[in-house]
N, C-alpha and C. Protein backbone atom coordinates (compact mmCIF):
# COMPACT_ATOMS: atom_id res chain seq x y z
N MET A 1 -68.67 1.04 1.39
CA MET A 1 -68.54 2.14 2.43
C MET A 1 -69.70 3.08 2.33
N SER A 2 -70.29 3.35 3.45
CA SER A 2 -71.40 4.36 3.49
C SER A 2 -70.90 5.66 3.13
N SER A 3 -71.69 6.57 2.65
CA SER A 3 -71.28 7.90 2.25
C SER A 3 -72.33 8.88 2.79
N THR A 4 -71.88 10.15 2.87
CA THR A 4 -72.75 11.17 3.31
C THR A 4 -73.36 11.92 2.11
N ARG A 5 -74.63 12.03 2.07
CA ARG A 5 -75.17 12.74 0.83
C ARG A 5 -75.11 14.21 1.15
N ILE A 6 -74.67 14.99 0.17
CA ILE A 6 -74.54 16.42 0.27
C ILE A 6 -75.84 17.06 -0.22
N PRO A 7 -76.66 17.78 0.62
CA PRO A 7 -77.80 18.41 0.24
C PRO A 7 -77.59 19.38 -0.84
N VAL A 8 -78.32 19.36 -2.05
CA VAL A 8 -77.98 20.19 -3.17
C VAL A 8 -78.25 21.62 -2.74
N ARG A 9 -79.23 21.93 -1.93
CA ARG A 9 -79.57 23.36 -1.62
C ARG A 9 -78.45 24.02 -0.86
N ARG A 10 -77.49 23.32 -0.36
CA ARG A 10 -76.38 23.89 0.51
C ARG A 10 -75.09 24.00 -0.23
N LEU A 11 -75.04 23.80 -1.49
CA LEU A 11 -73.78 23.76 -2.18
C LEU A 11 -73.25 25.03 -2.86
N GLU A 12 -74.13 25.96 -2.94
CA GLU A 12 -73.86 27.22 -3.60
C GLU A 12 -73.04 28.10 -2.76
N PRO A 13 -71.90 28.67 -3.26
CA PRO A 13 -71.13 29.74 -2.35
C PRO A 13 -72.05 30.84 -2.06
N ARG A 14 -71.75 31.43 -0.89
CA ARG A 14 -72.57 32.65 -0.44
C ARG A 14 -72.36 33.77 -1.41
N LYS A 15 -71.17 33.96 -1.78
CA LYS A 15 -70.80 34.99 -2.82
C LYS A 15 -69.54 34.64 -3.55
N LEU A 16 -69.37 35.19 -4.74
CA LEU A 16 -68.19 34.93 -5.51
C LEU A 16 -67.24 36.07 -5.36
N PRO A 17 -65.98 35.74 -5.23
CA PRO A 17 -64.96 36.79 -5.01
C PRO A 17 -64.80 37.75 -6.23
N GLN A 18 -64.95 39.08 -5.96
CA GLN A 18 -64.90 40.03 -7.11
C GLN A 18 -63.54 40.73 -7.13
N GLN A 19 -62.92 40.84 -6.09
CA GLN A 19 -61.55 41.49 -5.95
C GLN A 19 -60.52 40.53 -5.75
N ALA A 20 -59.28 41.07 -5.99
CA ALA A 20 -58.10 40.26 -5.80
C ALA A 20 -57.97 39.73 -4.34
N ARG A 21 -58.27 40.65 -3.39
CA ARG A 21 -58.17 40.23 -2.06
C ARG A 21 -59.16 39.15 -1.74
N SER A 22 -60.42 39.25 -2.21
CA SER A 22 -61.41 38.19 -1.93
C SER A 22 -60.97 36.99 -2.54
N GLN A 23 -60.40 37.00 -3.72
CA GLN A 23 -60.01 35.81 -4.47
C GLN A 23 -58.82 35.11 -3.67
N THR A 24 -57.94 35.94 -3.16
CA THR A 24 -56.82 35.34 -2.33
C THR A 24 -57.40 34.67 -1.10
N THR A 25 -58.45 35.19 -0.52
CA THR A 25 -59.03 34.59 0.70
C THR A 25 -59.66 33.24 0.30
N VAL A 26 -60.40 33.15 -0.75
CA VAL A 26 -61.05 31.98 -1.17
C VAL A 26 -59.99 30.86 -1.55
N GLU A 27 -58.94 31.29 -2.22
CA GLU A 27 -57.90 30.32 -2.59
C GLU A 27 -57.20 29.78 -1.35
N ALA A 28 -57.01 30.66 -0.32
CA ALA A 28 -56.50 30.19 0.91
C ALA A 28 -57.33 29.29 1.69
N LEU A 29 -58.64 29.43 1.65
CA LEU A 29 -59.60 28.58 2.21
C LEU A 29 -59.65 27.21 1.62
N LEU A 30 -59.56 27.22 0.22
CA LEU A 30 -59.54 25.99 -0.41
C LEU A 30 -58.26 25.19 -0.23
N GLU A 31 -57.15 25.85 -0.22
CA GLU A 31 -55.95 25.14 0.09
C GLU A 31 -55.94 24.66 1.58
N ALA A 32 -56.39 25.40 2.46
CA ALA A 32 -56.52 25.02 3.81
C ALA A 32 -57.47 23.77 3.91
N ALA A 33 -58.60 23.77 3.29
CA ALA A 33 -59.60 22.82 3.35
C ALA A 33 -58.95 21.46 2.83
N ALA A 34 -58.24 21.58 1.61
CA ALA A 34 -57.58 20.44 1.15
C ALA A 34 -56.65 19.77 2.16
N GLN A 35 -55.92 20.58 2.81
CA GLN A 35 -54.97 20.10 3.81
C GLN A 35 -55.70 19.53 5.03
N VAL A 36 -56.79 20.11 5.45
CA VAL A 36 -57.50 19.64 6.62
C VAL A 36 -58.24 18.28 6.30
N PHE A 37 -58.84 18.23 5.09
CA PHE A 37 -59.44 17.01 4.68
C PHE A 37 -58.48 15.88 4.53
N GLU A 38 -57.38 16.20 4.02
CA GLU A 38 -56.22 15.26 3.78
C GLU A 38 -55.82 14.58 5.03
N ARG A 39 -55.72 15.42 6.16
CA ARG A 39 -55.18 14.99 7.35
C ARG A 39 -56.23 14.40 8.30
N HIS A 40 -57.45 15.01 8.28
CA HIS A 40 -58.43 14.70 9.27
C HIS A 40 -59.63 13.84 8.72
N GLY A 41 -59.82 13.85 7.47
CA GLY A 41 -61.01 13.14 6.85
C GLY A 41 -62.20 14.09 6.90
N TYR A 42 -63.33 13.57 6.43
CA TYR A 42 -64.54 14.37 6.25
C TYR A 42 -65.18 14.81 7.58
N ALA A 43 -65.44 13.82 8.44
CA ALA A 43 -66.12 14.05 9.69
C ALA A 43 -65.43 15.08 10.56
N ALA A 44 -64.08 14.94 10.71
CA ALA A 44 -63.34 15.87 11.57
C ALA A 44 -62.83 17.09 10.82
N GLY A 45 -63.09 17.21 9.55
CA GLY A 45 -62.62 18.32 8.79
C GLY A 45 -63.64 19.44 8.96
N THR A 46 -63.68 20.09 10.14
CA THR A 46 -64.62 21.03 10.40
C THR A 46 -64.29 22.46 9.80
N THR A 47 -65.33 23.30 9.72
CA THR A 47 -65.12 24.71 9.22
C THR A 47 -64.13 25.46 10.14
N ASN A 48 -64.25 25.18 11.46
CA ASN A 48 -63.41 25.92 12.35
C ASN A 48 -61.83 25.50 12.08
N ARG A 49 -61.69 24.24 11.83
CA ARG A 49 -60.35 23.81 11.51
C ARG A 49 -59.88 24.40 10.21
N ILE A 50 -60.71 24.51 9.18
CA ILE A 50 -60.32 25.06 7.93
C ILE A 50 -60.00 26.57 8.13
N ALA A 51 -60.88 27.27 8.82
CA ALA A 51 -60.63 28.73 9.00
C ALA A 51 -59.28 28.96 9.70
N GLU A 52 -59.09 28.17 10.76
CA GLU A 52 -57.83 28.27 11.53
C GLU A 52 -56.64 28.09 10.63
N ARG A 53 -56.67 26.99 9.83
CA ARG A 53 -55.56 26.66 9.02
C ARG A 53 -55.35 27.73 7.90
N ALA A 54 -56.47 28.35 7.52
CA ALA A 54 -56.33 29.44 6.47
C ALA A 54 -55.82 30.73 7.11
N GLY A 55 -55.91 30.87 8.37
CA GLY A 55 -55.60 32.10 9.06
C GLY A 55 -56.67 33.17 8.96
N VAL A 56 -57.92 32.80 8.82
CA VAL A 56 -58.95 33.74 8.76
C VAL A 56 -59.99 33.41 9.83
N SER A 57 -60.99 34.29 10.08
CA SER A 57 -61.95 34.16 11.03
C SER A 57 -63.10 33.19 10.50
N ILE A 58 -63.80 32.45 11.39
CA ILE A 58 -64.87 31.66 10.84
C ILE A 58 -65.89 32.51 10.17
N GLY A 59 -66.02 33.70 10.62
CA GLY A 59 -67.01 34.58 9.94
C GLY A 59 -66.56 34.89 8.51
N SER A 60 -65.24 35.06 8.30
CA SER A 60 -64.79 35.20 6.92
C SER A 60 -65.12 34.08 6.04
N LEU A 61 -64.83 32.89 6.58
CA LEU A 61 -65.15 31.63 5.88
C LEU A 61 -66.67 31.61 5.43
N TYR A 62 -67.51 31.91 6.37
CA TYR A 62 -68.96 31.91 6.06
C TYR A 62 -69.41 33.02 5.17
N GLN A 63 -68.60 34.05 4.93
CA GLN A 63 -68.90 34.96 3.92
C GLN A 63 -68.95 34.34 2.56
N TYR A 64 -68.13 33.24 2.36
CA TYR A 64 -67.96 32.71 1.01
C TYR A 64 -68.61 31.37 0.95
N PHE A 65 -68.57 30.60 1.99
CA PHE A 65 -69.17 29.24 1.91
C PHE A 65 -70.09 28.97 3.09
N PRO A 66 -71.33 28.41 2.80
CA PRO A 66 -72.21 28.27 3.95
C PRO A 66 -71.85 27.08 4.83
N ASN A 67 -71.04 26.18 4.36
CA ASN A 67 -70.70 24.99 5.12
C ASN A 67 -69.53 24.26 4.49
N LYS A 68 -69.01 23.23 5.09
CA LYS A 68 -67.92 22.50 4.51
C LYS A 68 -68.22 21.74 3.27
N ASP A 69 -69.54 21.37 3.07
CA ASP A 69 -69.96 20.68 1.89
C ASP A 69 -69.83 21.55 0.70
N ALA A 70 -70.12 22.81 0.80
CA ALA A 70 -69.92 23.72 -0.30
C ALA A 70 -68.45 23.86 -0.70
N ILE A 71 -67.57 23.84 0.33
CA ILE A 71 -66.13 23.84 0.12
C ILE A 71 -65.68 22.57 -0.57
N LEU A 72 -66.26 21.43 -0.26
CA LEU A 72 -65.96 20.21 -0.90
C LEU A 72 -66.29 20.22 -2.38
N VAL A 73 -67.48 20.75 -2.62
CA VAL A 73 -67.79 20.82 -4.06
C VAL A 73 -66.91 21.78 -4.80
N ALA A 74 -66.45 22.82 -4.15
CA ALA A 74 -65.48 23.71 -4.86
C ALA A 74 -64.19 22.96 -5.08
N LEU A 75 -63.77 22.14 -4.19
CA LEU A 75 -62.48 21.31 -4.30
C LEU A 75 -62.72 20.29 -5.47
N VAL A 76 -63.82 19.75 -5.60
CA VAL A 76 -64.12 18.74 -6.74
C VAL A 76 -64.00 19.53 -8.05
N HIS A 77 -64.65 20.78 -8.09
CA HIS A 77 -64.45 21.59 -9.36
C HIS A 77 -62.88 21.85 -9.65
N GLN A 78 -62.14 22.15 -8.58
CA GLN A 78 -60.74 22.33 -8.80
C GLN A 78 -60.05 21.04 -9.23
N HIS A 79 -60.49 19.94 -8.73
CA HIS A 79 -59.90 18.72 -9.16
C HIS A 79 -60.27 18.39 -10.54
N LEU A 80 -61.43 18.72 -11.08
CA LEU A 80 -61.76 18.58 -12.49
C LEU A 80 -60.94 19.49 -13.35
N ALA A 81 -60.60 20.59 -12.95
CA ALA A 81 -59.81 21.58 -13.73
C ALA A 81 -58.40 20.98 -13.90
N GLU A 82 -57.90 20.48 -12.76
CA GLU A 82 -56.46 19.90 -12.69
C GLU A 82 -56.43 18.69 -13.56
N SER A 83 -57.56 17.83 -13.52
CA SER A 83 -57.46 16.61 -14.21
C SER A 83 -57.42 16.92 -15.76
N MET A 84 -58.30 17.87 -16.16
CA MET A 84 -58.41 18.21 -17.56
C MET A 84 -57.04 18.80 -18.08
N ALA A 85 -56.42 19.61 -17.22
CA ALA A 85 -55.17 20.14 -17.60
C ALA A 85 -54.03 19.07 -17.76
N ALA A 86 -54.08 18.05 -16.83
CA ALA A 86 -53.13 16.97 -16.89
C ALA A 86 -53.37 16.07 -18.10
N LEU A 87 -54.62 15.87 -18.46
CA LEU A 87 -54.93 14.95 -19.54
C LEU A 87 -55.04 15.62 -20.92
N GLN A 88 -55.08 16.92 -20.89
CA GLN A 88 -55.35 17.67 -22.20
C GLN A 88 -54.18 17.35 -23.21
N PRO A 89 -52.91 17.32 -22.74
CA PRO A 89 -51.90 16.99 -23.84
C PRO A 89 -52.07 15.58 -24.41
N GLN A 90 -52.49 14.56 -23.65
CA GLN A 90 -52.73 13.23 -24.16
C GLN A 90 -53.94 13.30 -25.16
N LEU A 91 -55.01 13.97 -24.82
CA LEU A 91 -56.07 14.19 -25.65
C LEU A 91 -55.69 14.70 -26.98
N GLU A 92 -54.83 15.80 -26.99
CA GLU A 92 -54.36 16.36 -28.18
C GLU A 92 -53.54 15.49 -29.01
N ARG A 93 -52.74 14.69 -28.38
CA ARG A 93 -51.97 13.76 -29.12
C ARG A 93 -52.80 12.69 -29.80
N LEU A 94 -53.87 12.21 -29.17
CA LEU A 94 -54.84 11.27 -29.68
C LEU A 94 -55.54 11.87 -30.87
N CYS A 95 -55.89 13.07 -30.69
CA CYS A 95 -56.63 13.84 -31.81
C CYS A 95 -55.70 14.03 -32.97
N GLY A 96 -54.38 14.21 -32.68
CA GLY A 96 -53.45 14.37 -33.78
C GLY A 96 -52.99 13.04 -34.46
N GLY A 97 -53.51 11.95 -34.13
CA GLY A 97 -53.31 10.74 -34.79
C GLY A 97 -52.30 9.80 -34.08
N ALA A 98 -51.88 10.00 -32.96
CA ALA A 98 -50.97 9.18 -32.16
C ALA A 98 -51.73 7.88 -31.82
N GLY A 99 -50.95 6.76 -31.88
CA GLY A 99 -51.51 5.47 -31.47
C GLY A 99 -51.85 5.44 -30.13
N PHE A 100 -52.89 4.71 -29.66
CA PHE A 100 -53.24 4.64 -28.23
C PHE A 100 -52.19 3.96 -27.38
N ASP A 101 -51.53 3.01 -27.90
CA ASP A 101 -50.49 2.35 -27.13
C ASP A 101 -49.33 3.32 -26.85
N ASP A 102 -49.08 4.32 -27.79
CA ASP A 102 -47.97 5.17 -27.62
C ASP A 102 -48.34 6.22 -26.60
N VAL A 103 -49.64 6.55 -26.44
CA VAL A 103 -50.04 7.61 -25.46
C VAL A 103 -50.35 6.93 -24.08
N LEU A 104 -50.59 5.71 -24.08
CA LEU A 104 -51.02 5.02 -22.81
C LEU A 104 -50.13 5.27 -21.71
N PRO A 105 -48.82 5.13 -21.76
CA PRO A 105 -47.98 5.40 -20.49
C PRO A 105 -48.21 6.81 -19.94
N ASP A 106 -48.36 7.84 -20.83
CA ASP A 106 -48.60 9.22 -20.29
C ASP A 106 -49.97 9.40 -19.67
N ILE A 107 -50.93 8.68 -20.24
CA ILE A 107 -52.21 8.76 -19.55
C ILE A 107 -52.21 8.13 -18.14
N VAL A 108 -51.55 6.90 -18.02
CA VAL A 108 -51.57 6.26 -16.81
C VAL A 108 -50.76 7.05 -15.78
N HIS A 109 -49.58 7.56 -16.20
CA HIS A 109 -48.65 8.27 -15.24
C HIS A 109 -49.36 9.60 -14.80
N ALA A 110 -50.20 10.24 -15.67
CA ALA A 110 -51.01 11.51 -15.31
C ALA A 110 -51.97 11.12 -14.26
N MET A 111 -52.76 10.03 -14.53
CA MET A 111 -53.78 9.65 -13.56
C MET A 111 -53.20 9.26 -12.24
N VAL A 112 -52.10 8.49 -12.29
CA VAL A 112 -51.50 8.15 -11.04
C VAL A 112 -51.04 9.28 -10.22
N ALA A 113 -50.32 10.25 -10.96
CA ALA A 113 -49.80 11.45 -10.30
C ALA A 113 -50.98 12.23 -9.66
N LEU A 114 -52.15 12.40 -10.29
CA LEU A 114 -53.26 13.12 -9.73
C LEU A 114 -53.75 12.48 -8.44
N HIS A 115 -53.82 11.19 -8.43
CA HIS A 115 -54.31 10.43 -7.23
C HIS A 115 -53.21 10.45 -6.06
N ALA A 116 -51.99 10.45 -6.49
CA ALA A 116 -50.89 10.32 -5.44
C ALA A 116 -50.63 11.66 -4.79
N LEU A 117 -51.09 12.76 -5.38
CA LEU A 117 -50.83 14.15 -4.91
C LEU A 117 -51.42 14.33 -3.51
N ALA A 118 -52.68 13.80 -3.31
CA ALA A 118 -53.32 14.01 -2.06
C ALA A 118 -54.28 12.81 -1.87
N PRO A 119 -53.84 11.64 -1.57
CA PRO A 119 -54.70 10.54 -1.50
C PRO A 119 -55.82 10.61 -0.46
N GLY A 120 -55.52 11.20 0.70
CA GLY A 120 -56.57 11.41 1.76
C GLY A 120 -57.62 12.32 1.27
N LEU A 121 -57.32 13.37 0.58
CA LEU A 121 -58.31 14.17 0.04
C LEU A 121 -59.16 13.54 -1.01
N HIS A 122 -58.57 12.72 -1.79
CA HIS A 122 -59.26 12.00 -2.81
C HIS A 122 -60.31 10.97 -2.16
N ARG A 123 -59.95 10.40 -1.00
CA ARG A 123 -60.87 9.60 -0.39
C ARG A 123 -62.10 10.36 0.19
N VAL A 124 -61.79 11.57 0.64
CA VAL A 124 -62.93 12.36 1.18
C VAL A 124 -63.82 12.75 0.09
N LEU A 125 -63.25 13.21 -1.12
CA LEU A 125 -64.05 13.72 -2.18
C LEU A 125 -64.86 12.67 -2.89
N PHE A 126 -64.30 11.44 -3.02
CA PHE A 126 -64.96 10.55 -3.86
C PHE A 126 -65.29 9.17 -3.14
N GLU A 127 -65.12 9.10 -1.88
CA GLU A 127 -65.59 7.82 -1.13
C GLU A 127 -66.39 8.30 0.08
N GLU A 128 -65.92 9.34 0.76
CA GLU A 128 -66.69 9.65 2.09
C GLU A 128 -67.91 10.53 1.96
N THR A 129 -68.05 11.11 0.69
CA THR A 129 -69.19 11.92 0.48
C THR A 129 -69.81 11.40 -0.79
N GLN A 130 -71.07 11.68 -0.96
CA GLN A 130 -71.78 11.39 -2.21
C GLN A 130 -72.02 12.70 -2.96
N LEU A 131 -71.49 12.74 -4.13
CA LEU A 131 -71.54 13.96 -4.92
C LEU A 131 -72.90 14.19 -5.44
N PRO A 132 -73.32 15.47 -5.62
CA PRO A 132 -74.67 15.76 -6.25
C PRO A 132 -74.56 15.35 -7.74
N PRO A 133 -75.73 15.08 -8.32
CA PRO A 133 -75.83 14.50 -9.70
C PRO A 133 -75.10 15.37 -10.73
N GLY A 134 -75.26 16.72 -10.63
CA GLY A 134 -74.69 17.61 -11.54
C GLY A 134 -73.19 17.45 -11.60
N LEU A 135 -72.60 17.39 -10.43
CA LEU A 135 -71.14 17.33 -10.31
C LEU A 135 -70.59 15.91 -10.84
N ARG A 136 -71.39 14.90 -10.48
CA ARG A 136 -71.01 13.61 -11.04
C ARG A 136 -71.11 13.60 -12.51
N ALA A 137 -72.01 14.23 -13.04
CA ALA A 137 -72.13 14.37 -14.58
C ALA A 137 -70.95 14.95 -15.16
N GLU A 138 -70.31 16.03 -14.47
CA GLU A 138 -69.15 16.63 -15.00
C GLU A 138 -67.99 15.68 -15.01
N LEU A 139 -67.83 14.92 -13.96
CA LEU A 139 -66.79 13.91 -13.98
C LEU A 139 -66.91 12.89 -14.97
N ASP A 140 -68.23 12.42 -15.23
CA ASP A 140 -68.49 11.46 -16.27
C ASP A 140 -68.21 12.08 -17.62
N ASP A 141 -68.38 13.35 -17.82
CA ASP A 141 -68.11 14.05 -19.11
C ASP A 141 -66.72 14.02 -19.38
N LEU A 142 -65.81 14.28 -18.34
CA LEU A 142 -64.42 14.17 -18.60
C LEU A 142 -63.93 12.80 -18.96
N GLU A 143 -64.54 11.75 -18.40
CA GLU A 143 -64.17 10.42 -18.81
C GLU A 143 -64.61 10.12 -20.16
N ASP A 144 -65.82 10.66 -20.52
CA ASP A 144 -66.32 10.43 -21.91
C ASP A 144 -65.40 10.99 -22.96
N GLN A 145 -64.91 12.20 -22.66
CA GLN A 145 -64.00 12.85 -23.66
C GLN A 145 -62.81 11.92 -23.85
N LEU A 146 -62.22 11.40 -22.84
CA LEU A 146 -61.06 10.55 -22.97
C LEU A 146 -61.41 9.31 -23.74
N VAL A 147 -62.52 8.78 -23.47
CA VAL A 147 -63.00 7.47 -24.06
C VAL A 147 -63.16 7.75 -25.58
N GLU A 148 -63.83 8.83 -25.92
CA GLU A 148 -64.11 9.09 -27.34
C GLU A 148 -62.76 9.19 -28.09
N GLN A 149 -61.85 9.99 -27.64
CA GLN A 149 -60.57 10.06 -28.34
C GLN A 149 -59.81 8.78 -28.37
N ALA A 150 -59.88 8.04 -27.29
CA ALA A 150 -59.22 6.79 -27.28
C ALA A 150 -59.81 5.73 -28.29
N ALA A 151 -61.16 5.82 -28.33
CA ALA A 151 -61.86 4.92 -29.31
C ALA A 151 -61.43 5.22 -30.80
N VAL A 152 -61.27 6.46 -31.17
CA VAL A 152 -60.73 6.84 -32.54
C VAL A 152 -59.40 6.29 -32.73
N ALA A 153 -58.49 6.44 -31.69
CA ALA A 153 -57.18 5.96 -31.89
C ALA A 153 -57.18 4.40 -31.89
N VAL A 154 -57.96 3.73 -31.09
CA VAL A 154 -58.08 2.30 -31.20
C VAL A 154 -58.54 1.82 -32.50
N ALA A 155 -59.54 2.49 -33.12
CA ALA A 155 -60.07 2.04 -34.37
C ALA A 155 -59.07 2.22 -35.49
N ASP A 156 -58.17 3.23 -35.41
CA ASP A 156 -57.23 3.51 -36.39
C ASP A 156 -55.93 2.78 -36.16
N ASP A 157 -55.71 2.03 -35.09
CA ASP A 157 -54.46 1.38 -34.78
C ASP A 157 -54.48 0.01 -35.49
N PRO A 158 -53.63 -0.21 -36.43
CA PRO A 158 -53.56 -1.53 -37.14
C PRO A 158 -53.11 -2.72 -36.18
N ARG A 159 -52.53 -2.37 -34.96
CA ARG A 159 -52.09 -3.43 -34.03
C ARG A 159 -53.25 -3.91 -33.14
N TRP A 160 -54.42 -3.27 -33.30
CA TRP A 160 -55.51 -3.64 -32.41
C TRP A 160 -56.78 -3.77 -33.29
N ARG A 161 -57.59 -4.87 -33.12
CA ARG A 161 -58.71 -5.09 -33.96
C ARG A 161 -59.90 -5.39 -33.14
N PRO A 162 -60.37 -4.48 -32.36
CA PRO A 162 -61.60 -4.71 -31.56
C PRO A 162 -62.84 -4.73 -32.37
N ILE A 163 -63.78 -5.43 -31.97
CA ILE A 163 -65.16 -5.42 -32.63
C ILE A 163 -65.78 -4.10 -32.41
N ASP A 164 -65.67 -3.63 -31.26
CA ASP A 164 -66.33 -2.39 -30.80
C ASP A 164 -65.34 -1.52 -30.27
N PRO A 165 -64.68 -0.62 -31.02
CA PRO A 165 -63.60 0.27 -30.43
C PRO A 165 -64.00 1.19 -29.24
N ARG A 166 -65.25 1.63 -29.31
CA ARG A 166 -65.76 2.43 -28.19
C ARG A 166 -65.88 1.67 -26.86
N LEU A 167 -66.39 0.41 -27.04
CA LEU A 167 -66.45 -0.42 -25.77
C LEU A 167 -64.99 -0.84 -25.33
N SER A 168 -64.13 -1.15 -26.28
CA SER A 168 -62.73 -1.51 -25.79
C SER A 168 -62.15 -0.24 -25.12
N ALA A 169 -62.31 0.90 -25.66
CA ALA A 169 -61.79 2.11 -25.01
C ALA A 169 -62.32 2.40 -23.63
N ARG A 170 -63.61 2.12 -23.57
CA ARG A 170 -64.35 2.35 -22.24
C ARG A 170 -63.70 1.36 -21.26
N VAL A 171 -63.50 0.10 -21.64
CA VAL A 171 -62.94 -0.91 -20.71
C VAL A 171 -61.57 -0.44 -20.25
N VAL A 172 -60.80 0.09 -21.23
CA VAL A 172 -59.35 0.44 -20.85
C VAL A 172 -59.30 1.61 -19.82
N ILE A 173 -60.17 2.61 -20.19
CA ILE A 173 -60.20 3.78 -19.37
C ILE A 173 -60.67 3.43 -17.97
N SER A 174 -61.71 2.62 -17.98
CA SER A 174 -62.28 2.18 -16.64
C SER A 174 -61.32 1.44 -15.81
N VAL A 175 -60.56 0.55 -16.54
CA VAL A 175 -59.54 -0.21 -15.78
C VAL A 175 -58.45 0.72 -15.29
N ILE A 176 -58.02 1.66 -16.05
CA ILE A 176 -56.96 2.56 -15.60
C ILE A 176 -57.50 3.35 -14.35
N GLU A 177 -58.71 3.99 -14.51
CA GLU A 177 -59.26 4.71 -13.41
C GLU A 177 -59.45 3.91 -12.18
N GLY A 178 -60.11 2.73 -12.36
CA GLY A 178 -60.44 1.87 -11.14
C GLY A 178 -59.18 1.45 -10.45
N LEU A 179 -58.18 0.95 -11.10
CA LEU A 179 -56.96 0.45 -10.49
C LEU A 179 -56.15 1.56 -9.96
N THR A 180 -56.11 2.69 -10.61
CA THR A 180 -55.41 3.83 -10.05
C THR A 180 -56.02 4.25 -8.78
N HIS A 181 -57.29 4.37 -8.75
CA HIS A 181 -57.95 4.80 -7.48
C HIS A 181 -57.72 3.86 -6.35
N ARG A 182 -57.92 2.55 -6.70
CA ARG A 182 -57.78 1.60 -5.60
C ARG A 182 -56.24 1.43 -5.06
N LEU A 183 -55.36 1.38 -6.01
CA LEU A 183 -54.02 1.03 -5.58
C LEU A 183 -53.21 2.30 -5.13
N VAL A 184 -53.53 3.45 -5.74
CA VAL A 184 -52.76 4.64 -5.29
C VAL A 184 -53.39 5.19 -3.93
N LEU A 185 -54.63 5.07 -3.79
CA LEU A 185 -55.14 5.60 -2.50
C LEU A 185 -54.91 4.60 -1.28
N ARG A 186 -54.75 3.35 -1.59
CA ARG A 186 -54.46 2.38 -0.62
C ARG A 186 -53.32 1.43 -1.10
N PRO A 187 -52.13 1.94 -1.29
CA PRO A 187 -50.98 1.15 -1.88
C PRO A 187 -50.64 0.06 -0.94
N PRO A 188 -50.32 -1.12 -1.63
CA PRO A 188 -49.74 -2.21 -0.80
C PRO A 188 -48.40 -1.80 -0.18
N SER A 189 -47.98 -2.29 0.97
CA SER A 189 -46.85 -1.84 1.67
C SER A 189 -45.64 -2.00 0.83
N GLY A 190 -44.82 -0.86 0.77
CA GLY A 190 -43.55 -0.90 -0.02
C GLY A 190 -43.73 -0.66 -1.46
N VAL A 191 -44.88 -0.57 -1.94
CA VAL A 191 -45.12 -0.34 -3.40
C VAL A 191 -45.15 1.13 -3.73
N THR A 192 -44.44 1.49 -4.75
CA THR A 192 -44.38 2.97 -5.15
C THR A 192 -45.39 3.16 -6.25
N SER A 193 -45.72 4.51 -6.42
CA SER A 193 -46.59 4.93 -7.48
C SER A 193 -46.06 4.58 -8.81
N GLU A 194 -44.83 4.62 -9.02
CA GLU A 194 -44.17 4.21 -10.27
C GLU A 194 -44.39 2.76 -10.58
N ALA A 195 -44.31 1.93 -9.55
CA ALA A 195 -44.56 0.45 -9.76
C ALA A 195 -45.99 0.19 -10.14
N ILE A 196 -46.85 0.96 -9.42
CA ILE A 196 -48.29 0.85 -9.77
C ILE A 196 -48.58 1.23 -11.20
N ALA A 197 -47.99 2.31 -11.62
CA ALA A 197 -48.17 2.73 -13.03
C ALA A 197 -47.70 1.75 -13.98
N ARG A 198 -46.48 1.08 -13.73
CA ARG A 198 -45.92 0.13 -14.65
C ARG A 198 -46.78 -1.10 -14.79
N GLU A 199 -47.40 -1.50 -13.66
CA GLU A 199 -48.18 -2.78 -13.75
C GLU A 199 -49.55 -2.50 -14.46
N ILE A 200 -50.08 -1.22 -14.28
CA ILE A 200 -51.33 -0.97 -15.06
C ILE A 200 -51.06 -0.83 -16.54
N ILE A 201 -49.88 -0.28 -16.92
CA ILE A 201 -49.57 -0.17 -18.28
C ILE A 201 -49.43 -1.57 -18.88
N GLU A 202 -48.78 -2.37 -18.18
CA GLU A 202 -48.55 -3.79 -18.73
C GLU A 202 -49.85 -4.60 -18.77
N LEU A 203 -50.74 -4.38 -17.83
CA LEU A 203 -52.06 -5.05 -17.87
C LEU A 203 -52.87 -4.57 -19.13
N VAL A 204 -52.92 -3.25 -19.43
CA VAL A 204 -53.67 -2.81 -20.57
C VAL A 204 -52.98 -3.23 -21.82
N ARG A 205 -51.68 -3.25 -21.84
CA ARG A 205 -51.01 -3.63 -23.17
C ARG A 205 -51.28 -5.20 -23.39
N ALA A 206 -51.35 -5.96 -22.21
CA ALA A 206 -51.64 -7.35 -22.49
C ALA A 206 -53.08 -7.52 -23.07
N TYR A 207 -53.96 -6.72 -22.68
CA TYR A 207 -55.34 -6.69 -23.14
C TYR A 207 -55.30 -6.34 -24.72
N ILE A 208 -54.55 -5.27 -25.00
CA ILE A 208 -54.36 -4.86 -26.39
C ILE A 208 -53.83 -6.00 -27.32
N TRP A 209 -52.74 -6.54 -26.81
CA TRP A 209 -52.09 -7.50 -27.66
C TRP A 209 -52.78 -8.86 -27.73
N THR A 210 -53.50 -9.16 -26.68
CA THR A 210 -54.36 -10.36 -26.69
C THR A 210 -55.45 -10.29 -27.82
N ARG A 211 -56.08 -9.06 -27.88
CA ARG A 211 -57.04 -8.79 -28.97
C ARG A 211 -56.36 -8.94 -30.34
N HIS A 212 -55.12 -8.36 -30.35
CA HIS A 212 -54.43 -8.42 -31.60
C HIS A 212 -54.16 -9.81 -32.14
N ASP A 213 -53.61 -10.63 -31.10
CA ASP A 213 -53.27 -12.04 -31.43
C ASP A 213 -54.40 -12.95 -31.80
N THR A 214 -55.60 -12.70 -31.19
CA THR A 214 -56.69 -13.62 -31.49
C THR A 214 -57.59 -13.19 -32.60
N GLY A 215 -57.54 -11.75 -32.78
CA GLY A 215 -58.42 -11.23 -33.72
C GLY A 215 -59.93 -11.18 -33.30
N ASP A 216 -60.09 -11.32 -31.90
CA ASP A 216 -61.46 -11.26 -31.38
C ASP A 216 -62.00 -9.85 -31.48
């Protein structure tokens, strides 16, 4: 799918909210933008629609954001914060010595829930636009954190004997992310998010136990 490159020079907010009223306006704009992009997609998600949805003038919108691309970047930052908050308990459990197989269901359910919350918005953020390199690096860093903790848990788990724990952890996290993105954003007819999560968990567990059985 072709994507729209976001010019880096146009991504900075015009000003940061300093007072509670300004912060409320920015939050309203971001909430409205999420709803507009969810319903209309990137091309039709205009700043006029966003301002109207937020109940503010277009001039007020432009006080904070130069264009809709800057709003999109703010929404990705918001998504990063939500993702970290959702996955932090699982990271802490892995750091605390929990086995990866024990934490796996919660990781999958957390990622499925994040994608299922606003699938149309996810498509706009990660398919219809091309993120700037710095923002892509932040997303990669979040994945790296999860992979590193998973690798430690994999290496310490006697039920799993991978040759390269970090590579095995990378494969697993990539599978979870890739399948979650593909299946939750475009679910087969009649298939629920719970069913998708269950199948992903079973697939990863089959990979784990195959490695255990063969000793590869």
